[in-house]
Amino acid sequence: SLRFMGTGYQPSLWEKLAENQIPLLLLVG
């Protein structure tokens, strides 16, 4: 899981965020 779905391996979604069509709630502590 770490080697194949870790943050370094996943495709960057930063640029695609502008295309988002769904209401998003971002929760952080």
mmCIF file of all heavy atoms, coordinates in Angstrom:
data_MODEL
# 
_entry.id   MODEL 
# 
loop_
_atom_site.group_PDB 
_atom_site.id 
_atom_site.type_symbol 
_atom_site.label_atom_id 
_atom_site.label_alt_id 
_atom_site.label_comp_id 
_atom_site.label_asym_id 
_atom_site.label_entity_id 
_atom_site.label_seq_id 
_atom_site.pdbx_PDB_ins_code 
_atom_site.Cartn_x 
_atom_site.Cartn_y 
_atom_site.Cartn_z 
_atom_site.occupancy 
_atom_site.B_iso_or_equiv 
_atom_site.pdbx_formal_charge 
_atom_site.auth_seq_id 
_atom_site.auth_comp_id 
_atom_site.auth_asym_id 
_atom_site.auth_atom_id 
_atom_site.pdbx_PDB_model_num 
ATOM 1   N N   . SER A 1 1  ? 0.837   -1.201 0.000   1.00 0.00 ? 1  SER A N   1 
ATOM 2   C CA  . SER A 1 1  ? 0.000   0.000  0.000   1.00 0.00 ? 1  SER A CA  1 
ATOM 3   C C   . SER A 1 1  ? 0.874   1.253  0.000   1.00 0.00 ? 1  SER A C   1 
ATOM 4   O O   . SER A 1 1  ? 0.635   2.201  -0.760  1.00 0.00 ? 1  SER A O   1 
ATOM 5   C CB  . SER A 1 1  ? -0.921  0.002  1.225   1.00 0.00 ? 1  SER A CB  1 
ATOM 6   O OG  . SER A 1 1  ? -1.633  1.213  1.316   1.00 0.00 ? 1  SER A OG  1 
ATOM 7   N N   . LEU A 1 2  ? 1.903   1.253  0.841   1.00 0.00 ? 2  LEU A N   1 
ATOM 8   C CA  . LEU A 1 2  ? 2.793   2.414  0.951   1.00 0.00 ? 2  LEU A CA  1 
ATOM 9   C C   . LEU A 1 2  ? 3.563   2.647  -0.333  1.00 0.00 ? 2  LEU A C   1 
ATOM 10  O O   . LEU A 1 2  ? 3.743   3.789  -0.776  1.00 0.00 ? 2  LEU A O   1 
ATOM 11  C CB  . LEU A 1 2  ? 3.755   2.203  2.120   1.00 0.00 ? 2  LEU A CB  1 
ATOM 12  C CG  . LEU A 1 2  ? 4.639   3.371  2.529   1.00 0.00 ? 2  LEU A CG  1 
ATOM 13  C CD1 . LEU A 1 2  ? 3.800   4.565  2.958   1.00 0.00 ? 2  LEU A CD1 1 
ATOM 14  C CD2 . LEU A 1 2  ? 5.586   2.950  3.647   1.00 0.00 ? 2  LEU A CD2 1 
ATOM 15  N N   . ARG A 1 3  ? 4.011   1.560  -0.950  1.00 0.00 ? 3  ARG A N   1 
ATOM 16  C CA  . ARG A 1 3  ? 4.856   1.694  -2.144  1.00 0.00 ? 3  ARG A CA  1 
ATOM 17  C C   . ARG A 1 3  ? 4.058   2.017  -3.400  1.00 0.00 ? 3  ARG A C   1 
ATOM 18  O O   . ARG A 1 3  ? 4.598   2.619  -4.341  1.00 0.00 ? 3  ARG A O   1 
ATOM 19  C CB  . ARG A 1 3  ? 5.653   0.403  -2.354  1.00 0.00 ? 3  ARG A CB  1 
ATOM 20  C CG  . ARG A 1 3  ? 6.861   0.311  -1.433  1.00 0.00 ? 3  ARG A CG  1 
ATOM 21  C CD  . ARG A 1 3  ? 7.669   -0.942 -1.649  1.00 0.00 ? 3  ARG A CD  1 
ATOM 22  N NE  . ARG A 1 3  ? 8.995   -0.827 -1.006  1.00 0.00 ? 3  ARG A NE  1 
ATOM 23  C CZ  . ARG A 1 3  ? 9.711   -1.851 -0.591  1.00 0.00 ? 3  ARG A CZ  1 
ATOM 24  N NH1 . ARG A 1 3  ? 9.249   -3.082 -0.732  1.00 0.00 ? 3  ARG A NH1 1 
ATOM 25  N NH2 . ARG A 1 3  ? 10.893  -1.660 -0.032  1.00 0.00 ? 3  ARG A NH2 1 
ATOM 26  N N   . PHE A 1 4  ? 2.780   1.653  -3.421  1.00 0.00 ? 4  PHE A N   1 
ATOM 27  C CA  . PHE A 1 4  ? 2.018   1.850  -4.658  1.00 0.00 ? 4  PHE A CA  1 
ATOM 28  C C   . PHE A 1 4  ? 0.892   2.876  -4.543  1.00 0.00 ? 4  PHE A C   1 
ATOM 29  O O   . PHE A 1 4  ? 0.391   3.352  -5.558  1.00 0.00 ? 4  PHE A O   1 
ATOM 30  C CB  . PHE A 1 4  ? 1.473   0.513  -5.159  1.00 0.00 ? 4  PHE A CB  1 
ATOM 31  C CG  . PHE A 1 4  ? 2.554   -0.443 -5.570  1.00 0.00 ? 4  PHE A CG  1 
ATOM 32  C CD1 . PHE A 1 4  ? 2.966   -1.467 -4.724  1.00 0.00 ? 4  PHE A CD1 1 
ATOM 33  C CD2 . PHE A 1 4  ? 3.205   -0.292 -6.780  1.00 0.00 ? 4  PHE A CD2 1 
ATOM 34  C CE1 . PHE A 1 4  ? 3.985   -2.334 -5.086  1.00 0.00 ? 4  PHE A CE1 1 
ATOM 35  C CE2 . PHE A 1 4  ? 4.225   -1.152 -7.162  1.00 0.00 ? 4  PHE A CE2 1 
ATOM 36  C CZ  . PHE A 1 4  ? 4.628   -2.177 -6.308  1.00 0.00 ? 4  PHE A CZ  1 
ATOM 37  N N   . MET A 1 5  ? 0.490   3.227  -3.304  1.00 0.00 ? 5  MET A N   1 
ATOM 38  C CA  . MET A 1 5  ? -0.501  4.292  -3.162  1.00 0.00 ? 5  MET A CA  1 
ATOM 39  C C   . MET A 1 5  ? 0.003   5.404  -2.248  1.00 0.00 ? 5  MET A C   1 
ATOM 40  O O   . MET A 1 5  ? -0.770  6.230  -1.775  1.00 0.00 ? 5  MET A O   1 
ATOM 41  C CB  . MET A 1 5  ? -1.847  3.770  -2.648  1.00 0.00 ? 5  MET A CB  1 
ATOM 42  C CG  . MET A 1 5  ? -3.015  4.659  -3.074  1.00 0.00 ? 5  MET A CG  1 
ATOM 43  S SD  . MET A 1 5  ? -4.566  4.371  -2.208  1.00 0.00 ? 5  MET A SD  1 
ATOM 44  C CE  . MET A 1 5  ? -5.048  2.809  -2.900  1.00 0.00 ? 5  MET A CE  1 
ATOM 45  N N   . GLY A 1 6  ? 1.296   5.418  -1.962  1.00 0.00 ? 6  GLY A N   1 
ATOM 46  C CA  . GLY A 1 6  ? 1.870   6.483  -1.154  1.00 0.00 ? 6  GLY A CA  1 
ATOM 47  C C   . GLY A 1 6  ? 1.782   7.821  -1.870  1.00 0.00 ? 6  GLY A C   1 
ATOM 48  O O   . GLY A 1 6  ? 1.580   7.896  -3.086  1.00 0.00 ? 6  GLY A O   1 
ATOM 49  N N   . THR A 1 7  ? 1.963   8.895  -1.125  1.00 0.00 ? 7  THR A N   1 
ATOM 50  C CA  . THR A 1 7  ? 1.834   10.250 -1.673  1.00 0.00 ? 7  THR A CA  1 
ATOM 51  C C   . THR A 1 7  ? 2.792   10.487 -2.844  1.00 0.00 ? 7  THR A C   1 
ATOM 52  O O   . THR A 1 7  ? 2.449   11.179 -3.810  1.00 0.00 ? 7  THR A O   1 
ATOM 53  C CB  . THR A 1 7  ? 2.099   11.296 -0.576  1.00 0.00 ? 7  THR A CB  1 
ATOM 54  O OG1 . THR A 1 7  ? 1.267   11.012 0.552   1.00 0.00 ? 7  THR A OG1 1 
ATOM 55  C CG2 . THR A 1 7  ? 1.803   12.696 -1.068  1.00 0.00 ? 7  THR A CG2 1 
ATOM 56  N N   . GLY A 1 8  ? 3.981   9.896  -2.782  1.00 0.00 ? 8  GLY A N   1 
ATOM 57  C CA  . GLY A 1 8  ? 4.946   10.092 -3.855  1.00 0.00 ? 8  GLY A CA  1 
ATOM 58  C C   . GLY A 1 8  ? 4.565   9.404  -5.151  1.00 0.00 ? 8  GLY A C   1 
ATOM 59  O O   . GLY A 1 8  ? 4.985   9.823  -6.230  1.00 0.00 ? 8  GLY A O   1 
ATOM 60  N N   . TYR A 1 9  ? 3.767   8.339  -5.057  1.00 0.00 ? 9  TYR A N   1 
ATOM 61  C CA  . TYR A 1 9  ? 3.411   7.559  -6.242  1.00 0.00 ? 9  TYR A CA  1 
ATOM 62  C C   . TYR A 1 9  ? 2.118   8.029  -6.898  1.00 0.00 ? 9  TYR A C   1 
ATOM 63  O O   . TYR A 1 9  ? 1.882   7.748  -8.075  1.00 0.00 ? 9  TYR A O   1 
ATOM 64  C CB  . TYR A 1 9  ? 3.273   6.077  -5.875  1.00 0.00 ? 9  TYR A CB  1 
ATOM 65  C CG  . TYR A 1 9  ? 4.595   5.395  -5.618  1.00 0.00 ? 9  TYR A CG  1 
ATOM 66  C CD1 . TYR A 1 9  ? 5.097   5.284  -4.327  1.00 0.00 ? 9  TYR A CD1 1 
ATOM 67  C CD2 . TYR A 1 9  ? 5.357   4.883  -6.667  1.00 0.00 ? 9  TYR A CD2 1 
ATOM 68  C CE1 . TYR A 1 9  ? 6.318   4.666  -4.075  1.00 0.00 ? 9  TYR A CE1 1 
ATOM 69  C CE2 . TYR A 1 9  ? 6.576   4.261  -6.435  1.00 0.00 ? 9  TYR A CE2 1 
ATOM 70  C CZ  . TYR A 1 9  ? 7.049   4.158  -5.129  1.00 0.00 ? 9  TYR A CZ  1 
ATOM 71  O OH  . TYR A 1 9  ? 8.259   3.556  -4.897  1.00 0.00 ? 9  TYR A OH  1 
ATOM 72  N N   . GLN A 1 10 ? 1.267   8.698  -6.139  1.00 0.00 ? 10 GLN A N   1 
ATOM 73  C CA  . GLN A 1 10 ? -0.027  9.051  -6.705  1.00 0.00 ? 10 GLN A CA  1 
ATOM 74  C C   . GLN A 1 10 ? 0.095   10.186 -7.714  1.00 0.00 ? 10 GLN A C   1 
ATOM 75  O O   . GLN A 1 10 ? 1.001   11.025 -7.620  1.00 0.00 ? 10 GLN A O   1 
ATOM 76  C CB  . GLN A 1 10 ? -1.005  9.454  -5.605  1.00 0.00 ? 10 GLN A CB  1 
ATOM 77  C CG  . GLN A 1 10 ? -0.844  10.896 -5.116  1.00 0.00 ? 10 GLN A CG  1 
ATOM 78  C CD  . GLN A 1 10 ? -2.069  11.420 -4.417  1.00 0.00 ? 10 GLN A CD  1 
ATOM 79  O OE1 . GLN A 1 10 ? -2.340  11.070 -3.291  1.00 0.00 ? 10 GLN A OE1 1 
ATOM 80  N NE2 . GLN A 1 10 ? -2.825  12.271 -5.101  1.00 0.00 ? 10 GLN A NE2 1 
ATOM 81  N N   . PRO A 1 11 ? -0.797  10.235 -8.691  1.00 0.00 ? 11 PRO A N   1 
ATOM 82  C CA  . PRO A 1 11 ? -0.794  11.365 -9.626  1.00 0.00 ? 11 PRO A CA  1 
ATOM 83  C C   . PRO A 1 11 ? -1.189  12.647 -8.903  1.00 0.00 ? 11 PRO A C   1 
ATOM 84  O O   . PRO A 1 11 ? -2.075  12.642 -8.043  1.00 0.00 ? 11 PRO A O   1 
ATOM 85  C CB  . PRO A 1 11 ? -1.853  10.958 -10.665 1.00 0.00 ? 11 PRO A CB  1 
ATOM 86  C CG  . PRO A 1 11 ? -2.748  9.997  -9.942  1.00 0.00 ? 11 PRO A CG  1 
ATOM 87  C CD  . PRO A 1 11 ? -1.867  9.261  -8.981  1.00 0.00 ? 11 PRO A CD  1 
ATOM 88  N N   . SER A 1 12 ? -0.522  13.755 -9.234  1.00 0.00 ? 12 SER A N   1 
ATOM 89  C CA  . SER A 1 12 ? -0.877  15.041 -8.631  1.00 0.00 ? 12 SER A CA  1 
ATOM 90  C C   . SER A 1 12 ? -2.261  15.473 -9.108  1.00 0.00 ? 12 SER A C   1 
ATOM 91  O O   . SER A 1 12 ? -2.584  15.400 -10.302 1.00 0.00 ? 12 SER A O   1 
ATOM 92  C CB  . SER A 1 12 ? 0.147   16.110 -9.015  1.00 0.00 ? 12 SER A CB  1 
ATOM 93  O OG  . SER A 1 12 ? -0.267  17.381 -8.545  1.00 0.00 ? 12 SER A OG  1 
ATOM 94  N N   . LEU A 1 13 ? -3.075  15.934 -8.176  1.00 0.00 ? 13 LEU A N   1 
ATOM 95  C CA  . LEU A 1 13 ? -4.435  16.366 -8.495  1.00 0.00 ? 13 LEU A CA  1 
ATOM 96  C C   . LEU A 1 13 ? -4.606  17.879 -8.359  1.00 0.00 ? 13 LEU A C   1 
ATOM 97  O O   . LEU A 1 13 ? -5.718  18.386 -8.454  1.00 0.00 ? 13 LEU A O   1 
ATOM 98  C CB  . LEU A 1 13 ? -5.432  15.648 -7.568  1.00 0.00 ? 13 LEU A CB  1 
ATOM 99  C CG  . LEU A 1 13 ? -5.435  14.117 -7.652  1.00 0.00 ? 13 LEU A CG  1 
ATOM 100 C CD1 . LEU A 1 13 ? -6.314  13.522 -6.564  1.00 0.00 ? 13 LEU A CD1 1 
ATOM 101 C CD2 . LEU A 1 13 ? -5.895  13.644 -9.027  1.00 0.00 ? 13 LEU A CD2 1 
ATOM 102 N N   . TRP A 1 14 ? -3.500  18.589 -8.131  1.00 0.00 ? 14 TRP A N   1 
ATOM 103 C CA  . TRP A 1 14 ? -3.585  20.025 -7.907  1.00 0.00 ? 14 TRP A CA  1 
ATOM 104 C C   . TRP A 1 14 ? -4.238  20.757 -9.077  1.00 0.00 ? 14 TRP A C   1 
ATOM 105 O O   . TRP A 1 14 ? -5.141  21.581 -8.876  1.00 0.00 ? 14 TRP A O   1 
ATOM 106 C CB  . TRP A 1 14 ? -2.198  20.599 -7.641  1.00 0.00 ? 14 TRP A CB  1 
ATOM 107 C CG  . TRP A 1 14 ? -1.711  20.371 -6.247  1.00 0.00 ? 14 TRP A CG  1 
ATOM 108 C CD1 . TRP A 1 14 ? -0.809  19.444 -5.824  1.00 0.00 ? 14 TRP A CD1 1 
ATOM 109 C CD2 . TRP A 1 14 ? -2.092  21.089 -5.067  1.00 0.00 ? 14 TRP A CD2 1 
ATOM 110 N NE1 . TRP A 1 14 ? -0.605  19.522 -4.470  1.00 0.00 ? 14 TRP A NE1 1 
ATOM 111 C CE2 . TRP A 1 14 ? -1.381  20.534 -3.976  1.00 0.00 ? 14 TRP A CE2 1 
ATOM 112 C CE3 . TRP A 1 14 ? -2.972  22.147 -4.834  1.00 0.00 ? 14 TRP A CE3 1 
ATOM 113 C CZ2 . TRP A 1 14 ? -1.523  21.015 -2.668  1.00 0.00 ? 14 TRP A CZ2 1 
ATOM 114 C CZ3 . TRP A 1 14 ? -3.113  22.625 -3.532  1.00 0.00 ? 14 TRP A CZ3 1 
ATOM 115 C CH2 . TRP A 1 14 ? -2.403  22.064 -2.470  1.00 0.00 ? 14 TRP A CH2 1 
ATOM 116 N N   . GLU A 1 15 ? -3.788  20.483 -10.291 1.00 0.00 ? 15 GLU A N   1 
ATOM 117 C CA  . GLU A 1 15 ? -4.321  21.207 -11.458 1.00 0.00 ? 15 GLU A CA  1 
ATOM 118 C C   . GLU A 1 15 ? -5.778  20.842 -11.714 1.00 0.00 ? 15 GLU A C   1 
ATOM 119 O O   . GLU A 1 15 ? -6.588  21.684 -12.110 1.00 0.00 ? 15 GLU A O   1 
ATOM 120 C CB  . GLU A 1 15 ? -3.469  20.900 -12.698 1.00 0.00 ? 15 GLU A CB  1 
ATOM 121 C CG  . GLU A 1 15 ? -2.025  21.369 -12.591 1.00 0.00 ? 15 GLU A CG  1 
ATOM 122 C CD  . GLU A 1 15 ? -1.918  22.861 -12.334 1.00 0.00 ? 15 GLU A CD  1 
ATOM 123 O OE1 . GLU A 1 15 ? -2.741  23.624 -12.872 1.00 0.00 ? 15 GLU A OE1 1 
ATOM 124 O OE2 . GLU A 1 15 ? -0.998  23.262 -11.589 1.00 0.00 ? 15 GLU A OE2 1 
ATOM 125 N N   . LYS A 1 16 ? -6.128  19.592 -11.449 1.00 0.00 ? 16 LYS A N   1 
ATOM 126 C CA  . LYS A 1 16 ? -7.489  19.122 -11.730 1.00 0.00 ? 16 LYS A CA  1 
ATOM 127 C C   . LYS A 1 16 ? -8.510  19.658 -10.720 1.00 0.00 ? 16 LYS A C   1 
ATOM 128 O O   . LYS A 1 16 ? -9.718  19.633 -10.971 1.00 0.00 ? 16 LYS A O   1 
ATOM 129 C CB  . LYS A 1 16 ? -7.504  17.586 -11.747 1.00 0.00 ? 16 LYS A CB  1 
ATOM 130 C CG  . LYS A 1 16 ? -8.676  16.979 -12.483 1.00 0.00 ? 16 LYS A CG  1 
ATOM 131 C CD  . LYS A 1 16 ? -8.486  15.494 -12.717 1.00 0.00 ? 16 LYS A CD  1 
ATOM 132 C CE  . LYS A 1 16 ? -9.720  14.869 -13.374 1.00 0.00 ? 16 LYS A CE  1 
ATOM 133 N NZ  . LYS A 1 16 ? -10.018 15.464 -14.687 1.00 0.00 ? 16 LYS A NZ  1 
ATOM 134 N N   . LEU A 1 17 ? -8.024  20.168 -9.574  1.00 0.00 ? 17 LEU A N   1 
ATOM 135 C CA  . LEU A 1 17 ? -8.933  20.702 -8.557  1.00 0.00 ? 17 LEU A CA  1 
ATOM 136 C C   . LEU A 1 17 ? -9.841  21.800 -9.110  1.00 0.00 ? 17 LEU A C   1 
ATOM 137 O O   . LEU A 1 17 ? -10.991 21.932 -8.680  1.00 0.00 ? 17 LEU A O   1 
ATOM 138 C CB  . LEU A 1 17 ? -8.127  21.256 -7.378  1.00 0.00 ? 17 LEU A CB  1 
ATOM 139 C CG  . LEU A 1 17 ? -8.028  20.400 -6.120  1.00 0.00 ? 17 LEU A CG  1 
ATOM 140 C CD1 . LEU A 1 17 ? -7.107  21.069 -5.120  1.00 0.00 ? 17 LEU A CD1 1 
ATOM 141 C CD2 . LEU A 1 17 ? -9.393  20.146 -5.510  1.00 0.00 ? 17 LEU A CD2 1 
ATOM 142 N N   . ALA A 1 18 ? -9.341  22.576 -10.044 1.00 0.00 ? 18 ALA A N   1 
ATOM 143 C CA  . ALA A 1 18 ? -10.129 23.667 -10.620 1.00 0.00 ? 18 ALA A CA  1 
ATOM 144 C C   . ALA A 1 18 ? -11.345 23.148 -11.378 1.00 0.00 ? 18 ALA A C   1 
ATOM 145 O O   . ALA A 1 18 ? -12.320 23.881 -11.576 1.00 0.00 ? 18 ALA A O   1 
ATOM 146 C CB  . ALA A 1 18 ? -9.255  24.515 -11.532 1.00 0.00 ? 18 ALA A CB  1 
ATOM 147 N N   . GLU A 1 19 ? -11.307 21.869 -11.771 1.00 0.00 ? 19 GLU A N   1 
ATOM 148 C CA  . GLU A 1 19 ? -12.419 21.266 -12.514 1.00 0.00 ? 19 GLU A CA  1 
ATOM 149 C C   . GLU A 1 19 ? -13.474 20.659 -11.590 1.00 0.00 ? 19 GLU A C   1 
ATOM 150 O O   . GLU A 1 19 ? -14.502 20.171 -12.066 1.00 0.00 ? 19 GLU A O   1 
ATOM 151 C CB  . GLU A 1 19 ? -11.889 20.165 -13.435 1.00 0.00 ? 19 GLU A CB  1 
ATOM 152 C CG  . GLU A 1 19 ? -10.815 20.615 -14.412 1.00 0.00 ? 19 GLU A CG  1 
ATOM 153 C CD  . GLU A 1 19 ? -10.187 19.438 -15.150 1.00 0.00 ? 19 GLU A CD  1 
ATOM 154 O OE1 . GLU A 1 19 ? -10.769 18.324 -15.094 1.00 0.00 ? 19 GLU A OE1 1 
ATOM 155 O OE2 . GLU A 1 19 ? -9.121  19.626 -15.750 1.00 0.00 ? 19 GLU A OE2 1 
ATOM 156 N N   . ASN A 1 20 ? -13.235 20.690 -10.296 1.00 0.00 ? 20 ASN A N   1 
ATOM 157 C CA  . ASN A 1 20 ? -14.140 20.032 -9.360  1.00 0.00 ? 20 ASN A CA  1 
ATOM 158 C C   . ASN A 1 20 ? -15.580 20.511 -9.499  1.00 0.00 ? 20 ASN A C   1 
ATOM 159 O O   . ASN A 1 20 ? -15.852 21.716 -9.560  1.00 0.00 ? 20 ASN A O   1 
ATOM 160 C CB  . ASN A 1 20 ? -13.667 20.277 -7.921  1.00 0.00 ? 20 ASN A CB  1 
ATOM 161 C CG  . ASN A 1 20 ? -14.661 19.748 -6.908  1.00 0.00 ? 20 ASN A CG  1 
ATOM 162 O OD1 . ASN A 1 20 ? -15.088 18.597 -6.979  1.00 0.00 ? 20 ASN A OD1 1 
ATOM 163 N ND2 . ASN A 1 20 ? -15.052 20.595 -5.964  1.00 0.00 ? 20 ASN A ND2 1 
ATOM 164 N N   . GLN A 1 21 ? -16.518 19.547 -9.513  1.00 0.00 ? 21 GLN A N   1 
ATOM 165 C CA  . GLN A 1 21 ? -17.946 19.846 -9.678  1.00 0.00 ? 21 GLN A CA  1 
ATOM 166 C C   . GLN A 1 21 ? -18.765 19.545 -8.428  1.00 0.00 ? 21 GLN A C   1 
ATOM 167 O O   . GLN A 1 21 ? -19.979 19.747 -8.423  1.00 0.00 ? 21 GLN A O   1 
ATOM 168 C CB  . GLN A 1 21 ? -18.507 19.004 -10.836 1.00 0.00 ? 21 GLN A CB  1 
ATOM 169 C CG  . GLN A 1 21 ? -17.762 19.153 -12.142 1.00 0.00 ? 21 GLN A CG  1 
ATOM 170 C CD  . GLN A 1 21 ? -18.206 18.111 -13.162 1.00 0.00 ? 21 GLN A CD  1 
ATOM 171 O OE1 . GLN A 1 21 ? -19.365 17.677 -13.169 1.00 0.00 ? 21 GLN A OE1 1 
ATOM 172 N NE2 . GLN A 1 21 ? -17.290 17.700 -14.025 1.00 0.00 ? 21 GLN A NE2 1 
ATOM 173 N N   . ILE A 1 22 ? -18.118 19.039 -7.368  1.00 0.00 ? 22 ILE A N   1 
ATOM 174 C CA  . ILE A 1 22 ? -18.831 18.538 -6.195  1.00 0.00 ? 22 ILE A CA  1 
ATOM 175 C C   . ILE A 1 22 ? -18.533 19.418 -4.978  1.00 0.00 ? 22 ILE A C   1 
ATOM 176 O O   . ILE A 1 22 ? -17.380 19.789 -4.758  1.00 0.00 ? 22 ILE A O   1 
ATOM 177 C CB  . ILE A 1 22 ? -18.400 17.080 -5.871  1.00 0.00 ? 22 ILE A CB  1 
ATOM 178 C CG1 . ILE A 1 22 ? -18.490 16.194 -7.109  1.00 0.00 ? 22 ILE A CG1 1 
ATOM 179 C CG2 . ILE A 1 22 ? -19.223 16.507 -4.732  1.00 0.00 ? 22 ILE A CG2 1 
ATOM 180 C CD1 . ILE A 1 22 ? -19.878 15.991 -7.625  1.00 0.00 ? 22 ILE A CD1 1 
ATOM 181 N N   . PRO A 1 23 ? -19.556 19.738 -4.149  1.00 0.00 ? 23 PRO A N   1 
ATOM 182 C CA  . PRO A 1 23 ? -19.282 20.464 -2.907  1.00 0.00 ? 23 PRO A CA  1 
ATOM 183 C C   . PRO A 1 23 ? -18.311 19.684 -2.024  1.00 0.00 ? 23 PRO A C   1 
ATOM 184 O O   . PRO A 1 23 ? -18.514 18.507 -1.740  1.00 0.00 ? 23 PRO A O   1 
ATOM 185 C CB  . PRO A 1 23 ? -20.662 20.571 -2.246  1.00 0.00 ? 23 PRO A CB  1 
ATOM 186 C CG  . PRO A 1 23 ? -21.636 20.470 -3.377  1.00 0.00 ? 23 PRO A CG  1 
ATOM 187 C CD  . PRO A 1 23 ? -21.005 19.517 -4.352  1.00 0.00 ? 23 PRO A CD  1 
ATOM 188 N N   . LEU A 1 24 ? -17.221 20.348 -1.607  1.00 0.00 ? 24 LEU A N   1 
ATOM 189 C CA  . LEU A 1 24 ? -16.177 19.724 -0.802  1.00 0.00 ? 24 LEU A CA  1 
ATOM 190 C C   . LEU A 1 24 ? -16.078 20.398 0.558   1.00 0.00 ? 24 LEU A C   1 
ATOM 191 O O   . LEU A 1 24 ? -16.013 21.623 0.644   1.00 0.00 ? 24 LEU A O   1 
ATOM 192 C CB  . LEU A 1 24 ? -14.808 19.855 -1.483  1.00 0.00 ? 24 LEU A CB  1 
ATOM 193 C CG  . LEU A 1 24 ? -14.512 19.090 -2.768  1.00 0.00 ? 24 LEU A CG  1 
ATOM 194 C CD1 . LEU A 1 24 ? -13.108 19.447 -3.255  1.00 0.00 ? 24 LEU A CD1 1 
ATOM 195 C CD2 . LEU A 1 24 ? -14.604 17.603 -2.536  1.00 0.00 ? 24 LEU A CD2 1 
ATOM 196 N N   . LEU A 1 25 ? -16.056 19.594 1.612   1.00 0.00 ? 25 LEU A N   1 
ATOM 197 C CA  . LEU A 1 25 ? -15.756 20.092 2.946   1.00 0.00 ? 25 LEU A CA  1 
ATOM 198 C C   . LEU A 1 25 ? -14.359 19.616 3.309   1.00 0.00 ? 25 LEU A C   1 
ATOM 199 O O   . LEU A 1 25 ? -14.093 18.415 3.357   1.00 0.00 ? 25 LEU A O   1 
ATOM 200 C CB  . LEU A 1 25 ? -16.776 19.587 3.964   1.00 0.00 ? 25 LEU A CB  1 
ATOM 201 C CG  . LEU A 1 25 ? -16.521 19.989 5.428   1.00 0.00 ? 25 LEU A CG  1 
ATOM 202 C CD1 . LEU A 1 25 ? -16.548 21.509 5.588   1.00 0.00 ? 25 LEU A CD1 1 
ATOM 203 C CD2 . LEU A 1 25 ? -17.546 19.333 6.351   1.00 0.00 ? 25 LEU A CD2 1 
ATOM 204 N N   . LEU A 1 26 ? -13.448 20.556 3.559   1.00 0.00 ? 26 LEU A N   1 
ATOM 205 C CA  . LEU A 1 26 ? -12.068 20.238 3.915   1.00 0.00 ? 26 LEU A CA  1 
ATOM 206 C C   . LEU A 1 26 ? -11.930 20.395 5.426   1.00 0.00 ? 26 LEU A C   1 
ATOM 207 O O   . LEU A 1 26 ? -12.066 21.511 5.956   1.00 0.00 ? 26 LEU A O   1 
ATOM 208 C CB  . LEU A 1 26 ? -11.097 21.177 3.199   1.00 0.00 ? 26 LEU A CB  1 
ATOM 209 C CG  . LEU A 1 26 ? -11.292 21.355 1.681   1.00 0.00 ? 26 LEU A CG  1 
ATOM 210 C CD1 . LEU A 1 26 ? -10.277 22.361 1.136   1.00 0.00 ? 26 LEU A CD1 1 
ATOM 211 C CD2 . LEU A 1 26 ? -11.187 20.026 0.966   1.00 0.00 ? 26 LEU A CD2 1 
ATOM 212 N N   . LEU A 1 27 ? -11.659 19.303 6.128   1.00 0.00 ? 27 LEU A N   1 
ATOM 213 C CA  . LEU A 1 27 ? -11.536 19.324 7.576   1.00 0.00 ? 27 LEU A CA  1 
ATOM 214 C C   . LEU A 1 27 ? -10.093 19.058 7.996   1.00 0.00 ? 27 LEU A C   1 
ATOM 215 O O   . LEU A 1 27 ? -9.472  18.102 7.529   1.00 0.00 ? 27 LEU A O   1 
ATOM 216 C CB  . LEU A 1 27 ? -12.449 18.272 8.216   1.00 0.00 ? 27 LEU A CB  1 
ATOM 217 C CG  . LEU A 1 27 ? -13.953 18.483 8.049   1.00 0.00 ? 27 LEU A CG  1 
ATOM 218 C CD1 . LEU A 1 27 ? -14.716 17.343 8.716   1.00 0.00 ? 27 LEU A CD1 1 
ATOM 219 C CD2 . LEU A 1 27 ? -14.390 19.825 8.637   1.00 0.00 ? 27 LEU A CD2 1 
ATOM 220 N N   . VAL A 1 28 ? -9.571  19.896 8.863   1.00 0.00 ? 28 VAL A N   1 
ATOM 221 C CA  . VAL A 1 28 ? -8.231  19.694 9.415   1.00 0.00 ? 28 VAL A CA  1 
ATOM 222 C C   . VAL A 1 28 ? -8.241  20.096 10.887  1.00 0.00 ? 28 VAL A C   1 
ATOM 223 O O   . VAL A 1 28 ? -9.053  20.917 11.319  1.00 0.00 ? 28 VAL A O   1 
ATOM 224 C CB  . VAL A 1 28 ? -7.153  20.510 8.662   1.00 0.00 ? 28 VAL A CB  1 
ATOM 225 C CG1 . VAL A 1 28 ? -6.919  19.960 7.278   1.00 0.00 ? 28 VAL A CG1 1 
ATOM 226 C CG2 . VAL A 1 28 ? -7.545  21.978 8.582   1.00 0.00 ? 28 VAL A CG2 1 
ATOM 227 N N   . GLY A 1 29 ? -7.329  19.506 11.666  1.00 0.00 ? 29 GLY A N   1 
ATOM 228 C CA  . GLY A 1 29 ? -7.226  19.828 13.076  1.00 0.00 ? 29 GLY A CA  1 
ATOM 229 C C   . GLY A 1 29 ? -6.412  21.093 13.312  1.00 0.00 ? 29 GLY A C   1 
ATOM 230 O O   . GLY A 1 29 ? -5.482  21.401 12.555  1.00 0.00 ? 29 GLY A O   1 
# 
